[in-house]
Amino acid sequence: MSKATFSARVFAVYVFVVSTVLVVAPNVLLSVFGIAPTAEVWIRVAGVLAFNIGIYAWVGARHRPFLEASVYTRALVCAAFVVFALLGLASPMIVLFGLVDLAGGVWTWLALKADARAGEPVPAGLRANAQ
């Protein structure tokens, strides 16, 4: 398993855990981060959507274009959460979630560079595109 694949799989497991808590007991997670509890269904909807993103991350972890795109999208999540906090749309604690995404994106970016230096083979599904 390449370093980049491993980093994306770790991220997928993180997303599975967070999303499951958001669906089953969202206020537990919210209270840990000092975010007001809610009875709205939207937090659970977000949990279901996040779980699906975790599946995509797990499956896509073997495909370089997905890994490259995930670097940018995880940085975007962090930027968006910072803006939400600055605009007062969300608790500043939401930035912690964004920082986890950013750290994961940086890890994947560094892993992609390390894989390239090590001559890591291109995954089978990408060989035709690599030529």
Protein backbone atom coordinates (compact mmCIF):
# COMPACT_ATOMS: atom_id res chain seq x y z
CA MET A 1 0.00 0.00 0.00
CA SER A 2 1.40 3.39 -0.95
CA LYS A 3 1.88 6.11 1.65
CA ALA A 4 -0.78 8.24 -0.03
CA THR A 5 -3.27 5.37 -0.03
CA PHE A 6 -2.58 4.80 3.66
CA SER A 7 -3.13 8.48 4.48
CA ALA A 8 -6.47 8.50 2.66
CA ARG A 9 -7.59 5.29 4.38
CA VAL A 10 -6.77 6.78 7.80
CA PHE A 11 -8.80 9.84 6.83
CA ALA A 12 -11.68 7.57 5.76
CA VAL A 13 -11.67 5.84 9.16
CA TYR A 14 -11.70 9.24 10.89
CA VAL A 15 -14.70 10.26 8.75
CA PHE A 16 -16.48 6.95 9.52
CA VAL A 17 -16.09 7.53 13.26
CA VAL A 18 -17.13 11.20 13.24
CA SER A 19 -20.06 10.59 10.89
CA THR A 20 -21.36 7.65 12.91
CA VAL A 21 -21.33 9.78 16.07
CA LEU A 22 -23.13 12.58 14.19
CA VAL A 23 -25.88 10.15 13.17
CA VAL A 24 -26.22 8.26 16.46
CA ALA A 25 -25.41 10.83 19.15
CA PRO A 26 -24.62 14.20 17.58
CA ASN A 27 -24.83 16.22 20.78
CA VAL A 28 -22.07 14.16 22.37
CA LEU A 29 -19.65 15.31 19.69
CA LEU A 30 -20.99 18.85 19.63
CA SER A 31 -20.60 19.21 23.40
CA VAL A 32 -16.99 18.02 23.27
CA PHE A 33 -16.22 20.94 20.95
CA GLY A 34 -18.33 23.48 22.82
CA ILE A 35 -20.93 23.68 20.07
CA ALA A 36 -24.55 24.14 21.17
CA PRO A 37 -26.64 20.97 21.18
CA THR A 38 -29.31 20.58 18.55
CA ALA A 39 -32.47 18.60 17.93
CA GLU A 40 -32.44 19.46 14.22
CA VAL A 41 -32.22 16.54 11.80
CA TRP A 42 -29.62 18.37 9.68
CA ILE A 43 -26.71 17.33 11.85
CA ARG A 44 -27.66 13.69 11.24
CA VAL A 45 -28.07 14.37 7.52
CA ALA A 46 -24.56 15.82 7.54
CA GLY A 47 -23.40 12.65 9.30
CA VAL A 48 -24.89 10.45 6.58
CA LEU A 49 -23.30 12.59 3.87
CA ALA A 50 -19.95 12.50 5.68
CA PHE A 51 -20.18 8.71 5.95
CA ASN A 52 -20.60 8.55 2.18
CA ILE A 53 -17.54 10.77 1.77
CA GLY A 54 -15.68 8.27 3.94
CA ILE A 55 -16.67 5.49 1.56
CA TYR A 56 -15.44 7.53 -1.39
CA ALA A 57 -12.18 8.21 0.43
CA TRP A 58 -11.70 4.51 1.21
CA VAL A 59 -12.37 3.37 -2.35
CA GLY A 60 -10.68 6.31 -4.04
CA ALA A 61 -7.54 5.93 -1.95
CA ARG A 62 -6.00 3.74 -4.65
CA HIS A 63 -6.48 6.29 -7.42
CA ARG A 64 -4.00 9.13 -7.78
CA PRO A 65 -6.45 11.69 -9.30
CA PHE A 66 -8.76 11.18 -6.32
CA LEU A 67 -5.86 11.57 -3.91
CA GLU A 68 -4.72 14.77 -5.62
CA ALA A 69 -8.25 16.20 -5.60
CA SER A 70 -8.64 15.30 -1.92
CA VAL A 71 -5.65 17.47 -1.04
CA TYR A 72 -7.40 20.53 -2.46
CA THR A 73 -10.88 19.72 -1.18
CA ARG A 74 -9.65 19.14 2.37
CA ALA A 75 -7.85 22.49 2.31
CA LEU A 76 -11.08 24.05 1.05
CA VAL A 77 -13.01 22.56 3.98
CA CYS A 78 -10.59 24.21 6.39
CA ALA A 79 -10.86 27.57 4.61
CA ALA A 80 -14.66 27.39 4.57
CA PHE A 81 -14.84 26.54 8.28
CA VAL A 82 -12.55 29.47 9.12
CA VAL A 83 -14.80 31.80 7.11
CA PHE A 84 -17.93 30.40 8.80
CA ALA A 85 -16.36 31.06 12.20
CA LEU A 86 -15.19 34.57 11.25
CA LEU A 87 -18.66 35.47 9.96
CA GLY A 88 -20.25 34.21 13.17
CA LEU A 89 -22.17 31.51 11.32
CA ALA A 90 -20.63 28.75 13.44
CA SER A 91 -18.72 28.35 16.67
CA PRO A 92 -14.99 28.94 16.28
CA MET A 93 -14.58 25.34 17.46
CA ILE A 94 -15.60 24.23 13.96
CA VAL A 95 -12.14 25.33 12.85
CA LEU A 96 -10.73 22.30 14.70
CA PHE A 97 -12.56 20.01 12.27
CA GLY A 98 -11.16 22.04 9.41
CA LEU A 99 -7.65 21.77 10.79
CA VAL A 100 -7.98 17.97 10.93
CA ASP A 101 -9.00 18.02 7.26
CA LEU A 102 -6.13 20.35 6.39
CA ALA A 103 -3.62 18.18 8.25
CA GLY A 104 -4.91 15.11 6.43
CA GLY A 105 -4.64 16.89 3.10
CA VAL A 106 -1.07 17.96 3.82
CA TRP A 107 -0.23 14.40 4.87
CA THR A 108 -1.65 13.04 1.61
CA TRP A 109 0.21 15.69 -0.41
CA LEU A 110 3.50 14.81 1.27
CA ALA A 111 2.76 11.09 0.83
CA LEU A 112 2.07 11.60 -2.89
CA LYS A 113 5.44 13.33 -3.23
CA ALA A 114 7.17 10.53 -1.29
CA ASP A 115 5.47 7.87 -3.42
CA ALA A 116 6.61 9.64 -6.59
CA ARG A 117 10.20 9.83 -5.32
CA ALA A 118 10.10 6.13 -4.39
CA GLY A 119 8.79 5.20 -7.84
CA GLU A 120 5.56 3.83 -6.42
CA PRO A 121 3.73 2.07 -9.27
CA VAL A 122 0.66 3.74 -10.76
CA PRO A 123 -2.51 1.88 -9.65
CA ALA A 124 -3.89 -0.52 -12.26
CA GLY A 125 -6.94 1.61 -13.01
CA LEU A 126 -4.69 4.52 -14.01
CA ARG A 127 -2.08 2.85 -16.20
CA ALA A 128 -3.90 3.72 -19.41
CA ASN A 129 -4.10 7.38 -18.35
CA ALA A 130 -0.45 7.53 -17.32
CA GLN A 131 0.90 6.93 -20.82
